[in-house]
Amino acid sequence: MATKDFRTWLHELFAVLVAAAGFRDLRMLSTQLVLLYDGSNIAAALDADPAVARSARDAAAALMAAARR
């Protein structure tokens, strides 16, 4: 139950942030950002590589730039 609640909250949080930033396709971009969030958390934990954060930030910026077009 706690995991499901957290996942619901996380998806809602990203949707709110995407909407507040003025993006149109809230569902697609927020889902992409959640996937990036998930993947970067797993990579950081498994690889112990601080560069993962920079890579995730750059990937998020690219997703947002593409969504603005």
PDB file of N, CA and C in Angstrom:
ATOM      1  N   MET A   1       0.819  -1.192   0.000  1.00  0.00           N
ATOM      2  CA  MET A   1       0.000   0.000   0.000  1.00  0.00           C
ATOM      3  C   MET A   1       0.867   1.262   0.000  1.00  0.00           C
ATOM      4  N   ALA A   2       1.895   1.296   0.811  1.00  0.00           N
ATOM      5  CA  ALA A   2       2.750   2.482   0.869  1.00  0.00           C
ATOM      6  C   ALA A   2       3.441   2.722  -0.467  1.00  0.00           C
ATOM      7  N   THR A   3       3.872   1.660  -1.120  1.00  0.00           N
ATOM      8  CA  THR A   3       4.534   1.807  -2.423  1.00  0.00           C
ATOM      9  C   THR A   3       3.569   2.360  -3.453  1.00  0.00           C
ATOM     10  N   LYS A   4       2.370   1.840  -3.490  1.00  0.00           N
ATOM     11  CA  LYS A   4       1.360   2.322  -4.441  1.00  0.00           C
ATOM     12  C   LYS A   4       1.039   3.790  -4.173  1.00  0.00           C
ATOM     13  N   ASP A   5       0.898   4.150  -2.905  1.00  0.00           N
ATOM     14  CA  ASP A   5       0.622   5.541  -2.547  1.00  0.00           C
ATOM     15  C   ASP A   5       1.772   6.453  -2.985  1.00  0.00           C
ATOM     16  N   PHE A   6       3.003   6.008  -2.749  1.00  0.00           N
ATOM     17  CA  PHE A   6       4.159   6.800  -3.162  1.00  0.00           C
ATOM     18  C   PHE A   6       4.187   6.979  -4.672  1.00  0.00           C
ATOM     19  N   ARG A   7       3.934   5.902  -5.417  1.00  0.00           N
ATOM     20  CA  ARG A   7       3.969   5.973  -6.885  1.00  0.00           C
ATOM     21  C   ARG A   7       2.873   6.905  -7.413  1.00  0.00           C
ATOM     22  N   THR A   8       1.700   6.842  -6.799  1.00  0.00           N
ATOM     23  CA  THR A   8       0.616   7.746  -7.197  1.00  0.00           C
ATOM     24  C   THR A   8       1.031   9.187  -6.936  1.00  0.00           C
ATOM     25  N   TRP A   9       1.567   9.440  -5.760  1.00  0.00           N
ATOM     26  CA  TRP A   9       2.027  10.771  -5.399  1.00  0.00           C
ATOM     27  C   TRP A   9       3.121  11.248  -6.355  1.00  0.00           C
ATOM     28  N   LEU A  10       4.067  10.381  -6.677  1.00  0.00           N
ATOM     29  CA  LEU A  10       5.171  10.759  -7.554  1.00  0.00           C
ATOM     30  C   LEU A  10       4.664  11.157  -8.939  1.00  0.00           C
ATOM     31  N   HIS A  11       3.786  10.356  -9.509  1.00  0.00           N
ATOM     32  CA  HIS A  11       3.229  10.689 -10.823  1.00  0.00           C
ATOM     33  C   HIS A  11       2.434  11.992 -10.766  1.00  0.00           C
ATOM     34  N   GLU A  12       1.670  12.192  -9.714  1.00  0.00           N
ATOM     35  CA  GLU A  12       0.910  13.436  -9.565  1.00  0.00           C
ATOM     36  C   GLU A  12       1.839  14.630  -9.405  1.00  0.00           C
ATOM     37  N   LEU A  13       2.915  14.463  -8.645  1.00  0.00           N
ATOM     38  CA  LEU A  13       3.884  15.538  -8.454  1.00  0.00           C
ATOM     39  C   LEU A  13       4.490  15.960  -9.788  1.00  0.00           C
ATOM     40  N   PHE A  14       4.958  14.999 -10.565  1.00  0.00           N
ATOM     41  CA  PHE A  14       5.548  15.344 -11.861  1.00  0.00           C
ATOM     42  C   PHE A  14       4.515  16.001 -12.774  1.00  0.00           C
ATOM     43  N   ALA A  15       3.275  15.534 -12.753  1.00  0.00           N
ATOM     44  CA  ALA A  15       2.228  16.136 -13.584  1.00  0.00           C
ATOM     45  C   ALA A  15       1.977  17.587 -13.180  1.00  0.00           C
ATOM     46  N   VAL A  16       1.942  17.854 -11.888  1.00  0.00           N
ATOM     47  CA  VAL A  16       1.741  19.221 -11.397  1.00  0.00           C
ATOM     48  C   VAL A  16       2.907  20.112 -11.813  1.00  0.00           C
ATOM     49  N   LEU A  17       4.128  19.614 -11.675  1.00  0.00           N
ATOM     50  CA  LEU A  17       5.302  20.402 -12.043  1.00  0.00           C
ATOM     51  C   LEU A  17       5.343  20.683 -13.546  1.00  0.00           C
ATOM     52  N   VAL A  18       5.010  19.679 -14.340  1.00  0.00           N
ATOM     53  CA  VAL A  18       4.983  19.842 -15.796  1.00  0.00           C
ATOM     54  C   VAL A  18       3.909  20.861 -16.188  1.00  0.00           C
ATOM     55  N   ALA A  19       2.742  20.774 -15.560  1.00  0.00           N
ATOM     56  CA  ALA A  19       1.663  21.728 -15.845  1.00  0.00           C
ATOM     57  C   ALA A  19       2.062  23.144 -15.429  1.00  0.00           C
ATOM     58  N   ALA A  20       2.669  23.272 -14.260  1.00  0.00           N
ATOM     59  CA  ALA A  20       3.072  24.588 -13.768  1.00  0.00           C
ATOM     60  C   ALA A  20       4.124  25.232 -14.666  1.00  0.00           C
ATOM     61  N   ALA A  21       4.917  24.408 -15.330  1.00  0.00           N
ATOM     62  CA  ALA A  21       5.947  24.922 -16.234  1.00  0.00           C
ATOM     63  C   ALA A  21       5.372  25.280 -17.604  1.00  0.00           C
ATOM     64  N   GLY A  22       4.094  24.977 -17.804  1.00  0.00           N
ATOM     65  CA  GLY A  22       3.436  25.392 -19.029  1.00  0.00           C
ATOM     66  C   GLY A  22       3.489  24.409 -20.187  1.00  0.00           C
ATOM     67  N   PHE A  23       3.853  23.179 -19.916  1.00  0.00           N
ATOM     68  CA  PHE A  23       3.884  22.180 -20.985  1.00  0.00           C
ATOM     69  C   PHE A  23       2.472  21.712 -21.288  1.00  0.00           C
ATOM     70  N   ARG A  24       2.250  21.325 -22.552  1.00  0.00           N
ATOM     71  CA  ARG A  24       0.906  20.934 -22.980  1.00  0.00           C
ATOM     72  C   ARG A  24       0.608  19.457 -22.747  1.00  0.00           C
ATOM     73  N   ASP A  25       1.471  18.577 -23.203  1.00  0.00           N
ATOM     74  CA  ASP A  25       1.196  17.135 -23.090  1.00  0.00           C
ATOM     75  C   ASP A  25       1.676  16.641 -21.732  1.00  0.00           C
ATOM     76  N   LEU A  26       0.866  16.918 -20.724  1.00  0.00           N
ATOM     77  CA  LEU A  26       1.262  16.633 -19.338  1.00  0.00           C
ATOM     78  C   LEU A  26       1.540  15.160 -19.108  1.00  0.00           C
ATOM     79  N   ARG A  27       0.661  14.320 -19.622  1.00  0.00           N
ATOM     80  CA  ARG A  27       0.783  12.890 -19.339  1.00  0.00           C
ATOM     81  C   ARG A  27       2.070  12.318 -19.930  1.00  0.00           C
ATOM     82  N   MET A  28       2.366  12.635 -21.183  1.00  0.00           N
ATOM     83  CA  MET A  28       3.543  12.056 -21.813  1.00  0.00           C
ATOM     84  C   MET A  28       4.833  12.549 -21.148  1.00  0.00           C
ATOM     85  N   LEU A  29       4.966  13.854 -20.984  1.00  0.00           N
ATOM     86  CA  LEU A  29       6.205  14.383 -20.410  1.00  0.00           C
ATOM     87  C   LEU A  29       6.372  13.962 -18.949  1.00  0.00           C
ATOM     88  N   SER A  30       5.318  14.002 -18.181  1.00  0.00           N
ATOM     89  CA  SER A  30       5.459  13.600 -16.770  1.00  0.00           C
ATOM     90  C   SER A  30       5.806  12.114 -16.665  1.00  0.00           C
ATOM     91  N   THR A  31       5.236  11.285 -17.533  1.00  0.00           N
ATOM     92  CA  THR A  31       5.587   9.858 -17.531  1.00  0.00           C
ATOM     93  C   THR A  31       7.049   9.668 -17.916  1.00  0.00           C
ATOM     94  N   GLN A  32       7.505  10.391 -18.928  1.00  0.00           N
ATOM     95  CA  GLN A  32       8.912  10.291 -19.338  1.00  0.00           C
ATOM     96  C   GLN A  32       9.839  10.721 -18.208  1.00  0.00           C
ATOM     97  N   LEU A  33       9.489  11.788 -17.514  1.00  0.00           N
ATOM     98  CA  LEU A  33      10.333  12.262 -16.416  1.00  0.00           C
ATOM     99  C   LEU A  33      10.331  11.300 -15.235  1.00  0.00           C
ATOM    100  N   VAL A  34       9.195  10.663 -14.964  1.00  0.00           N
ATOM    101  CA  VAL A  34       9.155   9.650 -13.905  1.00  0.00           C
ATOM    102  C   VAL A  34      10.045   8.467 -14.284  1.00  0.00           C
ATOM    103  N   LEU A  35       9.984   8.045 -15.537  1.00  0.00           N
ATOM    104  CA  LEU A  35      10.857   6.948 -15.989  1.00  0.00           C
ATOM    105  C   LEU A  35      12.327   7.321 -15.839  1.00  0.00           C
ATOM    106  N   LEU A  36      12.658   8.557 -16.183  1.00  0.00           N
ATOM    107  CA  LEU A  36      14.030   9.034 -16.029  1.00  0.00           C
ATOM    108  C   LEU A  36      14.423   9.066 -14.553  1.00  0.00           C
ATOM    109  N   TYR A  37      13.519   9.528 -13.726  1.00  0.00           N
ATOM    110  CA  TYR A  37      13.739   9.549 -12.282  1.00  0.00           C
ATOM    111  C   TYR A  37      14.011   8.139 -11.752  1.00  0.00           C
ATOM    112  N   ASP A  38      13.148   7.207 -12.148  1.00  0.00           N
ATOM    113  CA  ASP A  38      13.311   5.818 -11.708  1.00  0.00           C
ATOM    114  C   ASP A  38      14.652   5.246 -12.160  1.00  0.00           C
ATOM    115  N   GLY A  39      14.945   5.402 -13.434  1.00  0.00           N
ATOM    116  CA  GLY A  39      16.180   4.850 -13.988  1.00  0.00           C
ATOM    117  C   GLY A  39      17.428   5.453 -13.371  1.00  0.00           C
ATOM    118  N   SER A  40      17.396   6.753 -13.152  1.00  0.00           N
ATOM    119  CA  SER A  40      18.584   7.391 -12.574  1.00  0.00           C
ATOM    120  C   SER A  40      18.772   6.984 -11.112  1.00  0.00           C
ATOM    121  N   ASN A  41      17.676   6.786 -10.387  1.00  0.00           N
ATOM    122  CA  ASN A  41      17.798   6.306  -9.008  1.00  0.00           C
ATOM    123  C   ASN A  41      18.404   4.914  -8.959  1.00  0.00           C
ATOM    124  N   ILE A  42      17.957   4.046  -9.849  1.00  0.00           N
ATOM    125  CA  ILE A  42      18.494   2.686  -9.885  1.00  0.00           C
ATOM    126  C   ILE A  42      19.964   2.707 -10.297  1.00  0.00           C
ATOM    127  N   ALA A  43      20.289   3.480 -11.333  1.00  0.00           N
ATOM    128  CA  ALA A  43      21.675   3.557 -11.786  1.00  0.00           C
ATOM    129  C   ALA A  43      22.583   4.119 -10.690  1.00  0.00           C
ATOM    130  N   ALA A  44      22.134   5.141 -10.004  1.00  0.00           N
ATOM    131  CA  ALA A  44      22.939   5.727  -8.931  1.00  0.00           C
ATOM    132  C   ALA A  44      23.180   4.699  -7.815  1.00  0.00           C
ATOM    133  N   ALA A  45      22.164   3.934  -7.484  1.00  0.00           N
ATOM    134  CA  ALA A  45      22.305   2.941  -6.415  1.00  0.00           C
ATOM    135  C   ALA A  45      23.202   1.781  -6.832  1.00  0.00           C
ATOM    136  N   LEU A  46      23.026   1.306  -8.059  1.00  0.00           N
ATOM    137  CA  LEU A  46      23.788   0.136  -8.497  1.00  0.00           C
ATOM    138  C   LEU A  46      25.217   0.466  -8.913  1.00  0.00           C
ATOM    139  N   ASP A  47      25.404   1.630  -9.515  1.00  0.00           N
ATOM    140  CA  ASP A  47      26.712   1.974 -10.074  1.00  0.00           C
ATOM    141  C   ASP A  47      27.545   2.880  -9.177  1.00  0.00           C
ATOM    142  N   ALA A  48      26.935   3.465  -8.167  1.00  0.00           N
ATOM    143  CA  ALA A  48      27.625   4.400  -7.269  1.00  0.00           C
ATOM    144  C   ALA A  48      28.402   5.444  -8.069  1.00  0.00           C
ATOM    145  N   ASP A  49      27.736   6.018  -9.078  1.00  0.00           N
ATOM    146  CA  ASP A  49      28.376   6.980  -9.973  1.00  0.00           C
ATOM    147  C   ASP A  49      27.681   8.327  -9.848  1.00  0.00           C
ATOM    148  N   PRO A  50      28.360   9.331  -9.287  1.00  0.00           N
ATOM    149  CA  PRO A  50      27.736  10.641  -9.131  1.00  0.00           C
ATOM    150  C   PRO A  50      27.430  11.326 -10.471  1.00  0.00           C
ATOM    151  N   ALA A  51      28.047  10.884 -11.541  1.00  0.00           N
ATOM    152  CA  ALA A  51      27.780  11.475 -12.854  1.00  0.00           C
ATOM    153  C   ALA A  51      26.373  11.152 -13.342  1.00  0.00           C
ATOM    154  N   VAL A  52      25.727  10.171 -12.737  1.00  0.00           N
ATOM    155  CA  VAL A  52      24.363   9.812 -13.121  1.00  0.00           C
ATOM    156  C   VAL A  52      23.436  11.013 -12.948  1.00  0.00           C
ATOM    157  N   ALA A  53      23.623  11.776 -11.899  1.00  0.00           N
ATOM    158  CA  ALA A  53      22.762  12.940 -11.652  1.00  0.00           C
ATOM    159  C   ALA A  53      22.881  13.949 -12.786  1.00  0.00           C
ATOM    160  N   ARG A  54      24.099  14.217 -13.228  1.00  0.00           N
ATOM    161  CA  ARG A  54      24.293  15.151 -14.345  1.00  0.00           C
ATOM    162  C   ARG A  54      23.675  14.623 -15.622  1.00  0.00           C
ATOM    163  N   SER A  55      23.870  13.343 -15.871  1.00  0.00           N
ATOM    164  CA  SER A  55      23.298  12.732 -17.068  1.00  0.00           C
ATOM    165  C   SER A  55      21.779  12.789 -17.033  1.00  0.00           C
ATOM    166  N   ALA A  56      21.196  12.529 -15.887  1.00  0.00           N
ATOM    167  CA  ALA A  56      19.738  12.584 -15.750  1.00  0.00           C
ATOM    168  C   ALA A  56      19.234  14.004 -15.953  1.00  0.00           C
ATOM    169  N   ARG A  57      19.942  14.967 -15.401  1.00  0.00           N
ATOM    170  CA  ARG A  57      19.558  16.376 -15.582  1.00  0.00           C
ATOM    171  C   ARG A  57      19.607  16.761 -17.050  1.00  0.00           C
ATOM    172  N   ASP A  58      20.672  16.347 -17.743  1.00  0.00           N
ATOM    173  CA  ASP A  58      20.800  16.648 -19.171  1.00  0.00           C
ATOM    174  C   ASP A  58      19.700  15.966 -19.986  1.00  0.00           C
ATOM    175  N   ALA A  59      19.379  14.739 -19.640  1.00  0.00           N
ATOM    176  CA  ALA A  59      18.310  14.021 -20.342  1.00  0.00           C
ATOM    177  C   ALA A  59      16.961  14.693 -20.094  1.00  0.00           C
ATOM    178  N   ALA A  60      16.716  15.139 -18.876  1.00  0.00           N
ATOM    179  CA  ALA A  60      15.458  15.840 -18.554  1.00  0.00           C
ATOM    180  C   ALA A  60      15.370  17.138 -19.340  1.00  0.00           C
ATOM    181  N   ALA A  61      16.474  17.859 -19.427  1.00  0.00           N
ATOM    182  CA  ALA A  61      16.489  19.106 -20.200  1.00  0.00           C
ATOM    183  C   ALA A  61      16.182  18.838 -21.668  1.00  0.00           C
ATOM    184  N   ALA A  62      16.725  17.760 -22.210  1.00  0.00           N
ATOM    185  CA  ALA A  62      16.461  17.412 -23.604  1.00  0.00           C
ATOM    186  C   ALA A  62      14.985  17.044 -23.814  1.00  0.00           C
ATOM    187  N   LEU A  63      14.429  16.288 -22.879  1.00  0.00           N
ATOM    188  CA  LEU A  63      13.003  15.940 -22.962  1.00  0.00           C
ATOM    189  C   LEU A  63      12.133  17.197 -22.920  1.00  0.00           C
ATOM    190  N   MET A  64      12.455  18.102 -22.029  1.00  0.00           N
ATOM    191  CA  MET A  64      11.660  19.324 -21.910  1.00  0.00           C
ATOM    192  C   MET A  64      11.824  20.223 -23.129  1.00  0.00           C
ATOM    193  N   ALA A  65      13.026  20.311 -23.659  1.00  0.00           N
ATOM    194  CA  ALA A  65      13.243  21.113 -24.873  1.00  0.00           C
ATOM    195  C   ALA A  65      12.451  20.534 -26.030  1.00  0.00           C
ATOM    196  N   ALA A  66      12.449  19.223 -26.172  1.00  0.00           N
ATOM    197  CA  ALA A  66      11.691  18.581 -27.252  1.00  0.00           C
ATOM    198  C   ALA A  66      10.198  18.792 -27.057  1.00  0.00           C
ATOM    199  N   ALA A  67       9.739  18.792 -25.822  1.00  0.00           N
ATOM    200  CA  ALA A  67       8.304  18.978 -25.539  1.00  0.00           C
ATOM    201  C   ALA A  67       7.852  20.398 -25.826  1.00  0.00           C
ATOM    202  N   ARG A  68       8.756  21.348 -25.790  1.00  0.00           N
ATOM    203  CA  ARG A  68       8.407  22.753 -26.054  1.00  0.00           C
ATOM    204  C   ARG A  68       8.180  23.002 -27.546  1.00  0.00           C
ATOM    205  N   ARG A  69       8.745  22.142 -28.389  1.00  0.00           N
ATOM    206  CA  ARG A  69       8.636  22.357 -29.845  1.00  0.00           C
ATOM    207  C   ARG A  69       7.258  22.075 -30.350  1.00  0.00           C
TER     208      ARG A  69
END
